[in-house]
């Protein structure tokens, strides 16, 4: 009688170890959440460019209001509004009408003119709520950048949206 393991037993054990390792890796770094972060970055860039064009065509100042979602203090929500004599009003534009919520598991960090903007809930007194980003009819906007990334520890990449005083939002990958 021989002692030791057969080649089949070793291969089965190795297969089980590889499968468990791959499951753990997939749970730590979800390609789906990385894709959602990339999609969110491209959406924000497109919406900023579109809102700047709308401000130019309409002759009204537009504003982007950043807030935390009602359900989760970590989920960012962007709301676009137009400034009229009565103050900031909601838009009737089909693209910019509702608030744009960043997907669960994806974080948004915003810097405007070099200053970090904290994510806070919508204030009770919305009349005094000021936009984080302003877009003027002259074609100018508040310069800034946003970093959108997967919140899981295994994620190694995020996406940065940069825009200048003259618009032109660009999306680039960044290492975390």
N, C-alpha and C. Protein backbone atom coordinates (compact mmCIF):
# COMPACT_ATOMS: atom_id res chain seq x y z
N UNK A 1 0.84 -1.17 0.00
CA UNK A 1 0.00 0.00 0.00
C UNK A 1 0.89 1.25 0.00
N UNK A 2 0.57 2.19 -0.89
CA UNK A 2 1.39 3.41 -1.00
C UNK A 2 0.82 4.51 -0.12
N UNK A 3 1.72 5.32 0.38
CA UNK A 3 1.32 6.46 1.20
C UNK A 3 1.37 7.72 0.33
N UNK A 4 0.58 8.76 0.71
CA UNK A 4 0.58 10.03 -0.02
C UNK A 4 -0.73 10.26 -0.75
N UNK A 5 -0.74 11.33 -1.54
CA UNK A 5 -1.94 11.72 -2.27
C UNK A 5 -1.77 11.43 -3.74
N UNK A 6 -2.86 11.09 -4.38
CA UNK A 6 -2.80 10.88 -5.83
C UNK A 6 -2.85 12.23 -6.53
N UNK A 7 -2.50 12.21 -7.78
CA UNK A 7 -2.51 13.43 -8.59
C UNK A 7 -3.92 14.02 -8.66
N UNK A 8 -4.92 13.19 -8.77
CA UNK A 8 -6.32 13.65 -8.82
C UNK A 8 -6.69 14.37 -7.53
N UNK A 9 -6.32 13.85 -6.40
CA UNK A 9 -6.65 14.48 -5.11
C UNK A 9 -5.98 15.85 -4.98
N UNK A 10 -4.75 15.94 -5.42
CA UNK A 10 -4.03 17.22 -5.37
C UNK A 10 -4.70 18.24 -6.29
N UNK A 11 -5.07 17.81 -7.49
CA UNK A 11 -5.73 18.73 -8.44
C UNK A 11 -7.08 19.20 -7.92
N UNK A 12 -7.86 18.31 -7.30
CA UNK A 12 -9.15 18.70 -6.74
C UNK A 12 -8.96 19.72 -5.61
N UNK A 13 -8.00 19.49 -4.73
CA UNK A 13 -7.72 20.43 -3.64
C UNK A 13 -7.28 21.78 -4.19
N UNK A 14 -6.41 21.77 -5.21
CA UNK A 14 -5.95 23.00 -5.83
C UNK A 14 -7.11 23.75 -6.49
N UNK A 15 -8.00 23.02 -7.15
CA UNK A 15 -9.17 23.62 -7.78
C UNK A 15 -10.06 24.32 -6.74
N UNK A 16 -10.30 23.68 -5.61
CA UNK A 16 -11.12 24.27 -4.55
C UNK A 16 -10.47 25.54 -4.01
N UNK A 17 -9.17 25.53 -3.81
CA UNK A 17 -8.46 26.72 -3.31
C UNK A 17 -8.57 27.87 -4.31
N UNK A 18 -8.37 27.57 -5.59
CA UNK A 18 -8.46 28.61 -6.62
C UNK A 18 -9.88 29.19 -6.68
N UNK A 19 -10.89 28.36 -6.59
CA UNK A 19 -12.28 28.84 -6.64
C UNK A 19 -12.59 29.74 -5.44
N UNK A 20 -12.17 29.34 -4.25
CA UNK A 20 -12.42 30.18 -3.07
C UNK A 20 -11.69 31.51 -3.17
N UNK A 21 -10.47 31.49 -3.66
CA UNK A 21 -9.70 32.73 -3.82
C UNK A 21 -10.37 33.65 -4.82
N UNK A 22 -10.87 33.11 -5.93
CA UNK A 22 -11.52 33.96 -6.93
C UNK A 22 -12.83 34.55 -6.39
N UNK A 23 -13.57 33.80 -5.59
CA UNK A 23 -14.81 34.34 -5.01
C UNK A 23 -14.51 35.50 -4.07
N UNK A 24 -13.48 35.36 -3.25
CA UNK A 24 -13.11 36.43 -2.33
C UNK A 24 -12.67 37.66 -3.11
N UNK A 25 -11.88 37.46 -4.16
CA UNK A 25 -11.42 38.58 -4.99
C UNK A 25 -12.60 39.29 -5.65
N UNK A 26 -13.56 38.54 -6.18
CA UNK A 26 -14.72 39.15 -6.82
C UNK A 26 -15.55 39.96 -5.83
N UNK A 27 -15.66 39.51 -4.61
CA UNK A 27 -16.42 40.24 -3.61
C UNK A 27 -15.73 41.53 -3.19
N UNK A 28 -14.40 41.55 -3.21
CA UNK A 28 -13.68 42.75 -2.81
C UNK A 28 -13.69 43.81 -3.89
N UNK A 29 -13.55 43.41 -5.12
CA UNK A 29 -13.49 44.36 -6.23
C UNK A 29 -14.54 43.98 -7.26
N UNK A 30 -15.64 44.69 -7.23
CA UNK A 30 -16.73 44.38 -8.13
C UNK A 30 -16.58 45.16 -9.44
N UNK A 31 -16.42 44.46 -10.55
CA UNK A 31 -16.35 45.15 -11.83
C UNK A 31 -17.63 45.94 -12.12
N UNK A 32 -18.75 45.46 -11.60
CA UNK A 32 -20.02 46.16 -11.81
C UNK A 32 -19.99 47.54 -11.15
N UNK A 33 -19.49 47.61 -9.91
CA UNK A 33 -19.43 48.91 -9.23
C UNK A 33 -18.39 49.82 -9.88
N UNK A 34 -17.28 49.25 -10.37
CA UNK A 34 -16.29 50.05 -11.10
C UNK A 34 -16.92 50.64 -12.36
N UNK A 35 -17.73 49.85 -13.04
CA UNK A 35 -18.41 50.33 -14.25
C UNK A 35 -19.44 51.40 -13.89
N UNK A 36 -20.14 51.22 -12.75
CA UNK A 36 -21.11 52.24 -12.32
C UNK A 36 -20.39 53.54 -11.99
N UNK A 37 -19.20 53.46 -11.39
CA UNK A 37 -18.43 54.67 -11.09
C UNK A 37 -18.02 55.37 -12.38
N UNK A 38 -17.57 54.60 -13.36
CA UNK A 38 -17.20 55.19 -14.64
C UNK A 38 -18.41 55.82 -15.33
N UNK A 39 -19.53 55.10 -15.33
CA UNK A 39 -20.76 55.63 -15.93
C UNK A 39 -21.21 56.92 -15.23
N UNK A 40 -21.11 56.95 -13.90
CA UNK A 40 -21.48 58.16 -13.14
C UNK A 40 -20.58 59.33 -13.52
N UNK A 41 -19.29 59.08 -13.68
CA UNK A 41 -18.36 60.14 -14.07
C UNK A 41 -18.72 60.71 -15.44
N UNK A 42 -18.99 59.83 -16.40
CA UNK A 42 -19.35 60.30 -17.75
C UNK A 42 -20.70 61.02 -17.74
N UNK A 43 -21.62 60.56 -16.91
CA UNK A 43 -22.92 61.22 -16.79
C UNK A 43 -22.76 62.63 -16.24
N UNK A 44 -21.97 62.78 -15.19
CA UNK A 44 -21.76 64.11 -14.60
C UNK A 44 -21.11 65.04 -15.61
N UNK A 45 -20.10 64.56 -16.33
CA UNK A 45 -19.43 65.39 -17.34
C UNK A 45 -20.41 65.83 -18.43
N UNK A 46 -21.21 64.91 -18.90
CA UNK A 46 -22.18 65.23 -19.96
C UNK A 46 -23.23 66.22 -19.47
N UNK A 47 -23.72 66.01 -18.24
CA UNK A 47 -24.75 66.90 -17.71
C UNK A 47 -24.21 68.31 -17.46
N UNK A 48 -22.96 68.41 -17.02
CA UNK A 48 -22.37 69.74 -16.82
C UNK A 48 -22.26 70.48 -18.16
N UNK A 49 -21.78 69.78 -19.18
CA UNK A 49 -21.68 70.40 -20.51
C UNK A 49 -23.05 70.79 -21.04
N UNK A 50 -24.02 69.91 -20.87
CA UNK A 50 -25.37 70.19 -21.36
C UNK A 50 -25.98 71.37 -20.62
N UNK A 51 -25.83 71.41 -19.28
CA UNK A 51 -26.40 72.50 -18.49
C UNK A 51 -25.74 73.83 -18.86
N UNK A 52 -24.44 73.83 -19.15
CA UNK A 52 -23.77 75.07 -19.57
C UNK A 52 -24.32 75.55 -20.90
N UNK A 53 -24.55 74.63 -21.83
CA UNK A 53 -25.16 75.01 -23.11
C UNK A 53 -26.57 75.57 -22.91
N UNK A 54 -27.34 74.93 -22.02
CA UNK A 54 -28.69 75.41 -21.74
C UNK A 54 -28.66 76.81 -21.12
N UNK A 55 -27.70 77.06 -20.24
CA UNK A 55 -27.57 78.39 -19.63
C UNK A 55 -27.27 79.43 -20.72
N UNK A 56 -26.42 79.08 -21.67
CA UNK A 56 -26.09 80.00 -22.75
C UNK A 56 -27.31 80.26 -23.65
N UNK A 57 -28.02 79.21 -24.01
CA UNK A 57 -29.17 79.37 -24.91
C UNK A 57 -30.33 80.10 -24.25
N UNK A 58 -30.57 79.81 -22.97
CA UNK A 58 -31.73 80.40 -22.30
C UNK A 58 -31.46 81.81 -21.77
N UNK A 59 -30.20 82.12 -21.53
CA UNK A 59 -29.87 83.42 -20.95
C UNK A 59 -30.04 83.47 -19.44
N UNK A 60 -30.26 82.32 -18.81
CA UNK A 60 -30.42 82.23 -17.36
C UNK A 60 -29.19 81.58 -16.73
N UNK A 61 -28.93 81.96 -15.49
CA UNK A 61 -27.88 81.29 -14.72
C UNK A 61 -28.43 79.95 -14.22
N UNK A 62 -27.62 78.91 -14.33
CA UNK A 62 -27.99 77.59 -13.82
C UNK A 62 -27.10 77.28 -12.61
N UNK A 63 -27.60 76.43 -11.74
CA UNK A 63 -26.83 76.02 -10.57
C UNK A 63 -26.93 74.52 -10.36
N UNK A 64 -25.85 73.94 -9.85
CA UNK A 64 -25.83 72.52 -9.50
C UNK A 64 -25.75 72.45 -7.98
N UNK A 65 -26.76 71.84 -7.38
CA UNK A 65 -26.85 71.72 -5.93
C UNK A 65 -26.46 70.29 -5.54
N UNK A 66 -25.48 70.17 -4.66
CA UNK A 66 -25.02 68.87 -4.19
C UNK A 66 -25.61 68.60 -2.81
N UNK A 67 -26.15 67.40 -2.63
CA UNK A 67 -26.70 67.05 -1.31
C UNK A 67 -26.57 65.55 -1.09
N UNK A 68 -26.77 65.16 0.16
CA UNK A 68 -26.81 63.74 0.50
C UNK A 68 -28.22 63.24 0.24
N UNK A 69 -28.33 61.99 -0.14
CA UNK A 69 -29.63 61.37 -0.36
C UNK A 69 -30.39 61.26 0.95
N UNK A 70 -31.72 61.27 0.88
CA UNK A 70 -32.54 61.15 2.09
C UNK A 70 -32.36 59.79 2.75
N UNK A 71 -32.12 58.74 1.94
CA UNK A 71 -32.00 57.39 2.48
C UNK A 71 -30.62 57.12 3.06
N UNK A 72 -29.58 57.76 2.53
CA UNK A 72 -28.22 57.42 2.90
C UNK A 72 -27.36 58.68 2.85
N UNK A 73 -26.69 58.99 3.96
CA UNK A 73 -25.86 60.19 4.01
C UNK A 73 -24.63 60.09 3.13
N UNK A 74 -24.29 58.90 2.64
CA UNK A 74 -23.11 58.72 1.81
C UNK A 74 -23.41 58.79 0.32
N UNK A 75 -24.67 58.70 -0.05
CA UNK A 75 -25.05 58.73 -1.46
C UNK A 75 -25.27 60.17 -1.91
N UNK A 76 -24.54 60.57 -2.94
CA UNK A 76 -24.62 61.95 -3.43
C UNK A 76 -25.77 62.12 -4.40
N UNK A 77 -26.33 63.32 -4.39
CA UNK A 77 -27.44 63.66 -5.28
C UNK A 77 -27.15 65.04 -5.87
N UNK A 78 -27.27 65.16 -7.19
CA UNK A 78 -27.07 66.43 -7.89
C UNK A 78 -28.42 66.92 -8.39
N UNK A 79 -28.72 68.18 -8.09
CA UNK A 79 -29.96 68.79 -8.54
C UNK A 79 -29.62 70.05 -9.33
N UNK A 80 -30.17 70.16 -10.53
CA UNK A 80 -29.95 71.32 -11.38
C UNK A 80 -31.13 72.27 -11.24
N UNK A 81 -30.83 73.58 -11.09
CA UNK A 81 -31.88 74.59 -11.00
C UNK A 81 -31.49 75.81 -11.83
N UNK A 82 -32.48 76.65 -12.11
CA UNK A 82 -32.26 77.88 -12.87
C UNK A 82 -32.57 79.06 -11.97
N UNK A 83 -31.78 80.13 -12.12
CA UNK A 83 -32.01 81.33 -11.31
C UNK A 83 -32.91 82.30 -12.06
N UNK A 84 -34.03 82.63 -11.43
CA UNK A 84 -34.95 83.65 -11.96
C UNK A 84 -35.11 84.72 -10.90
N UNK A 85 -35.89 85.74 -11.20
CA UNK A 85 -36.08 86.84 -10.24
C UNK A 85 -36.57 86.36 -8.88
N UNK A 86 -37.37 85.32 -8.87
CA UNK A 86 -37.93 84.80 -7.61
C UNK A 86 -36.94 83.92 -6.85
N UNK A 87 -35.81 83.60 -7.46
CA UNK A 87 -34.81 82.74 -6.81
C UNK A 87 -34.56 81.50 -7.65
N UNK A 88 -34.00 80.48 -7.02
CA UNK A 88 -33.68 79.23 -7.71
C UNK A 88 -34.95 78.41 -7.91
N UNK A 89 -35.22 78.03 -9.15
CA UNK A 89 -36.43 77.26 -9.46
C UNK A 89 -36.05 75.96 -10.16
N UNK A 90 -36.90 74.96 -9.99
CA UNK A 90 -36.69 73.68 -10.65
C UNK A 90 -36.83 73.83 -12.15
N UNK A 91 -36.19 72.93 -12.88
CA UNK A 91 -36.19 73.00 -14.33
C UNK A 91 -37.31 72.15 -14.92
N UNK A 92 -37.77 72.56 -16.09
CA UNK A 92 -38.76 71.76 -16.80
C UNK A 92 -38.10 70.96 -17.92
N UNK A 93 -36.78 71.07 -18.04
CA UNK A 93 -36.01 70.36 -19.04
C UNK A 93 -36.08 68.85 -18.78
N UNK A 94 -36.33 68.07 -19.80
CA UNK A 94 -36.51 66.62 -19.60
C UNK A 94 -35.24 65.92 -19.13
N UNK A 95 -34.08 66.47 -19.42
CA UNK A 95 -32.82 65.83 -19.03
C UNK A 95 -32.39 66.25 -17.63
N UNK A 96 -32.58 67.51 -17.29
CA UNK A 96 -32.08 68.03 -16.02
C UNK A 96 -33.16 68.15 -14.95
N UNK A 97 -34.37 67.66 -15.20
CA UNK A 97 -35.49 67.86 -14.29
C UNK A 97 -35.28 67.28 -12.91
N UNK A 98 -35.14 65.99 -12.82
CA UNK A 98 -35.06 65.34 -11.51
C UNK A 98 -33.65 65.32 -10.97
N UNK A 99 -33.53 65.06 -9.68
CA UNK A 99 -32.18 64.94 -9.12
C UNK A 99 -31.47 63.70 -9.67
N UNK A 100 -30.19 63.82 -9.89
CA UNK A 100 -29.38 62.71 -10.38
C UNK A 100 -28.68 62.11 -9.18
N UNK A 101 -28.98 60.85 -8.89
CA UNK A 101 -28.41 60.19 -7.73
C UNK A 101 -27.25 59.31 -8.16
N UNK A 102 -26.14 59.43 -7.44
CA UNK A 102 -24.98 58.59 -7.70
C UNK A 102 -25.29 57.20 -7.14
N UNK A 103 -24.94 56.15 -7.87
CA UNK A 103 -25.30 54.78 -7.52
C UNK A 103 -24.76 54.37 -6.15
N UNK A 104 -25.48 53.45 -5.49
CA UNK A 104 -25.02 52.89 -4.22
C UNK A 104 -23.68 52.22 -4.42
N UNK A 105 -22.80 52.33 -3.44
CA UNK A 105 -21.48 51.71 -3.52
C UNK A 105 -20.48 52.55 -4.29
N UNK A 106 -20.91 53.73 -4.73
CA UNK A 106 -20.04 54.64 -5.47
C UNK A 106 -19.99 55.97 -4.72
N UNK A 107 -18.78 56.47 -4.50
CA UNK A 107 -18.64 57.73 -3.75
C UNK A 107 -18.32 58.88 -4.68
N UNK A 108 -18.69 60.07 -4.25
CA UNK A 108 -18.41 61.30 -5.01
C UNK A 108 -17.74 62.29 -4.07
N UNK A 109 -16.58 62.77 -4.48
CA UNK A 109 -15.90 63.84 -3.77
C UNK A 109 -15.82 65.03 -4.72
N UNK A 110 -16.18 66.22 -4.23
CA UNK A 110 -16.26 67.39 -5.10
C UNK A 110 -15.37 68.50 -4.56
N UNK A 111 -14.59 69.10 -5.47
CA UNK A 111 -13.79 70.28 -5.15
C UNK A 111 -14.21 71.37 -6.13
N UNK A 112 -14.53 72.54 -5.59
CA UNK A 112 -14.90 73.69 -6.42
C UNK A 112 -13.96 74.82 -6.07
N UNK A 113 -13.28 75.31 -7.11
CA UNK A 113 -12.27 76.36 -6.96
C UNK A 113 -11.28 76.02 -5.85
N UNK A 114 -10.84 74.76 -5.83
CA UNK A 114 -9.83 74.30 -4.89
C UNK A 114 -10.32 73.96 -3.49
N UNK A 115 -11.59 74.17 -3.22
CA UNK A 115 -12.15 73.92 -1.89
C UNK A 115 -13.06 72.69 -1.94
N UNK A 116 -12.86 71.80 -0.96
CA UNK A 116 -13.69 70.60 -0.92
C UNK A 116 -15.10 70.94 -0.45
N UNK A 117 -16.09 70.37 -1.14
CA UNK A 117 -17.49 70.58 -0.80
C UNK A 117 -17.98 69.33 -0.07
N UNK A 118 -18.45 69.52 1.15
CA UNK A 118 -18.95 68.39 1.95
C UNK A 118 -20.35 68.00 1.52
N UNK A 119 -20.61 66.73 1.64
CA UNK A 119 -21.92 66.17 1.31
C UNK A 119 -22.82 66.30 2.54
N UNK A 120 -23.84 67.16 2.44
CA UNK A 120 -24.77 67.38 3.56
C UNK A 120 -26.20 67.22 3.05
N UNK A 121 -27.13 66.89 3.95
CA UNK A 121 -28.53 66.77 3.53
C UNK A 121 -29.08 68.11 3.05
N UNK A 122 -30.16 68.06 2.31
CA UNK A 122 -30.83 69.28 1.85
C UNK A 122 -31.27 70.07 3.09
N UNK A 123 -30.95 71.36 3.14
CA UNK A 123 -31.33 72.14 4.32
C UNK A 123 -32.84 72.33 4.42
N UNK A 124 -33.32 72.55 5.63
CA UNK A 124 -34.75 72.78 5.85
C UNK A 124 -35.21 74.05 5.12
N UNK A 125 -34.38 75.08 5.17
CA UNK A 125 -34.70 76.35 4.52
C UNK A 125 -34.06 76.36 3.13
N UNK A 126 -34.76 75.82 2.13
CA UNK A 126 -34.19 75.72 0.79
C UNK A 126 -34.02 77.08 0.12
N UNK A 127 -34.66 78.10 0.64
CA UNK A 127 -34.51 79.44 0.06
C UNK A 127 -33.07 79.94 0.22
N UNK A 128 -32.39 79.49 1.25
CA UNK A 128 -30.99 79.90 1.48
C UNK A 128 -29.98 78.87 0.98
N UNK A 129 -30.45 77.84 0.29
CA UNK A 129 -29.58 76.81 -0.26
C UNK A 129 -28.86 77.39 -1.47
N UNK A 130 -27.55 77.33 -1.49
CA UNK A 130 -26.76 77.90 -2.58
C UNK A 130 -26.15 76.78 -3.42
N UNK A 131 -26.03 77.01 -4.73
CA UNK A 131 -25.45 75.97 -5.59
C UNK A 131 -23.96 75.78 -5.35
N UNK A 132 -23.51 74.56 -5.52
CA UNK A 132 -22.08 74.25 -5.40
C UNK A 132 -21.35 74.68 -6.67
N UNK A 133 -22.03 74.56 -7.80
CA UNK A 133 -21.46 74.93 -9.10
C UNK A 133 -22.43 75.88 -9.80
N UNK A 134 -21.89 76.97 -10.34
CA UNK A 134 -22.72 77.93 -11.08
C UNK A 134 -22.33 77.91 -12.55
N UNK A 135 -23.33 78.01 -13.40
CA UNK A 135 -23.13 78.02 -14.85
C UNK A 135 -23.81 79.28 -15.39
N UNK A 136 -23.03 80.18 -16.00
CA UNK A 136 -23.55 81.46 -16.41
C UNK A 136 -23.87 81.51 -17.91
N UNK A 137 -24.78 82.39 -18.31
CA UNK A 137 -25.14 82.52 -19.73
C UNK A 137 -23.97 82.94 -20.61
N UNK A 138 -22.93 83.49 -20.02
CA UNK A 138 -21.75 83.93 -20.78
C UNK A 138 -20.90 82.75 -21.24
N UNK A 139 -21.25 81.53 -20.79
CA UNK A 139 -20.47 80.35 -21.17
C UNK A 139 -19.41 79.99 -20.15
N UNK A 140 -19.45 80.65 -19.01
CA UNK A 140 -18.48 80.35 -17.94
C UNK A 140 -19.17 79.55 -16.85
N UNK A 141 -18.36 78.85 -16.07
CA UNK A 141 -18.88 78.10 -14.95
C UNK A 141 -17.83 78.06 -13.84
N UNK A 142 -18.26 77.74 -12.64
CA UNK A 142 -17.34 77.59 -11.53
C UNK A 142 -16.42 76.42 -11.82
N UNK A 143 -15.12 76.64 -11.77
CA UNK A 143 -14.15 75.58 -12.06
C UNK A 143 -14.10 74.58 -10.92
N UNK A 144 -13.84 73.32 -11.25
CA UNK A 144 -13.75 72.32 -10.20
C UNK A 144 -13.42 70.94 -10.73
N UNK A 145 -13.52 69.99 -9.82
CA UNK A 145 -13.30 68.59 -10.19
C UNK A 145 -14.07 67.69 -9.24
N UNK A 146 -14.41 66.53 -9.72
CA UNK A 146 -15.10 65.53 -8.92
C UNK A 146 -14.37 64.21 -9.09
N UNK A 147 -14.25 63.46 -8.00
CA UNK A 147 -13.65 62.13 -8.06
C UNK A 147 -14.75 61.13 -7.69
N UNK A 148 -15.00 60.21 -8.59
CA UNK A 148 -16.04 59.20 -8.40
C UNK A 148 -15.34 57.85 -8.35
N UNK A 149 -15.63 57.06 -7.31
CA UNK A 149 -14.96 55.77 -7.19
C UNK A 149 -15.83 54.76 -6.47
N UNK A 150 -15.47 53.50 -6.66
CA UNK A 150 -16.10 52.38 -5.97
C UNK A 150 -15.66 52.46 -4.51
N UNK A 151 -16.58 52.31 -3.58
CA UNK A 151 -16.25 52.47 -2.16
C UNK A 151 -15.63 51.22 -1.55
N UNK A 152 -15.61 50.11 -2.26
CA UNK A 152 -15.05 48.89 -1.67
C UNK A 152 -13.53 48.98 -1.60
N UNK A 153 -12.95 48.25 -0.64
CA UNK A 153 -11.51 48.31 -0.42
C UNK A 153 -10.71 47.73 -1.57
N UNK A 154 -11.27 46.78 -2.31
CA UNK A 154 -10.54 46.13 -3.37
C UNK A 154 -10.43 46.94 -4.66
N UNK A 155 -11.16 48.03 -4.75
CA UNK A 155 -11.15 48.83 -5.96
C UNK A 155 -9.87 49.65 -6.03
N UNK A 156 -9.22 49.60 -7.18
CA UNK A 156 -7.94 50.29 -7.35
C UNK A 156 -8.05 51.51 -8.25
N UNK A 157 -9.21 51.74 -8.84
CA UNK A 157 -9.33 52.82 -9.79
C UNK A 157 -10.57 53.65 -9.53
N UNK A 158 -10.44 54.94 -9.78
CA UNK A 158 -11.56 55.85 -9.72
C UNK A 158 -11.58 56.66 -11.00
N UNK A 159 -12.50 57.60 -11.06
CA UNK A 159 -12.63 58.44 -12.24
C UNK A 159 -12.71 59.89 -11.81
N UNK A 160 -11.98 60.74 -12.50
CA UNK A 160 -11.96 62.16 -12.17
C UNK A 160 -12.61 62.95 -13.29
N UNK A 161 -13.53 63.82 -12.91
CA UNK A 161 -14.17 64.72 -13.86
C UNK A 161 -13.61 66.11 -13.57
N UNK A 162 -12.95 66.70 -14.54
CA UNK A 162 -12.38 68.05 -14.40
C UNK A 162 -13.11 68.99 -15.34
N UNK A 163 -13.34 70.21 -14.88
CA UNK A 163 -13.89 71.23 -15.77
C UNK A 163 -13.26 72.56 -15.39
N UNK A 164 -13.13 73.41 -16.38
CA UNK A 164 -12.49 74.71 -16.19
C UNK A 164 -13.54 75.81 -16.14
N UNK A 165 -13.08 77.02 -16.06
CA UNK A 165 -13.95 78.19 -16.06
C UNK A 165 -14.81 78.24 -17.32
N UNK A 166 -14.29 77.67 -18.40
CA UNK A 166 -15.00 77.71 -19.68
C UNK A 166 -15.66 76.38 -20.03
N UNK A 167 -15.92 75.55 -19.03
CA UNK A 167 -16.63 74.28 -19.25
C UNK A 167 -15.68 73.20 -19.72
N UNK A 168 -16.18 72.39 -20.65
CA UNK A 168 -15.35 71.33 -21.22
C UNK A 168 -14.98 70.26 -20.22
N UNK A 169 -15.97 69.65 -19.61
CA UNK A 169 -15.70 68.61 -18.62
C UNK A 169 -15.05 67.40 -19.28
N UNK A 170 -13.96 66.92 -18.68
CA UNK A 170 -13.27 65.74 -19.17
C UNK A 170 -13.22 64.67 -18.09
N UNK A 171 -13.23 63.42 -18.51
CA UNK A 171 -13.19 62.28 -17.59
C UNK A 171 -11.89 61.53 -17.79
N UNK A 172 -11.15 61.31 -16.71
CA UNK A 172 -9.90 60.55 -16.78
C UNK A 172 -9.85 59.55 -15.63
N UNK A 173 -9.24 58.37 -15.86
CA UNK A 173 -9.09 57.40 -14.78
C UNK A 173 -7.99 57.87 -13.81
N UNK A 174 -8.18 57.57 -12.53
CA UNK A 174 -7.18 57.88 -11.52
C UNK A 174 -6.98 56.65 -10.63
N UNK A 175 -5.74 56.46 -10.20
CA UNK A 175 -5.44 55.36 -9.28
C UNK A 175 -5.79 55.80 -7.87
N UNK A 176 -6.27 54.84 -7.08
CA UNK A 176 -6.62 55.14 -5.70
C UNK A 176 -5.49 54.79 -4.78
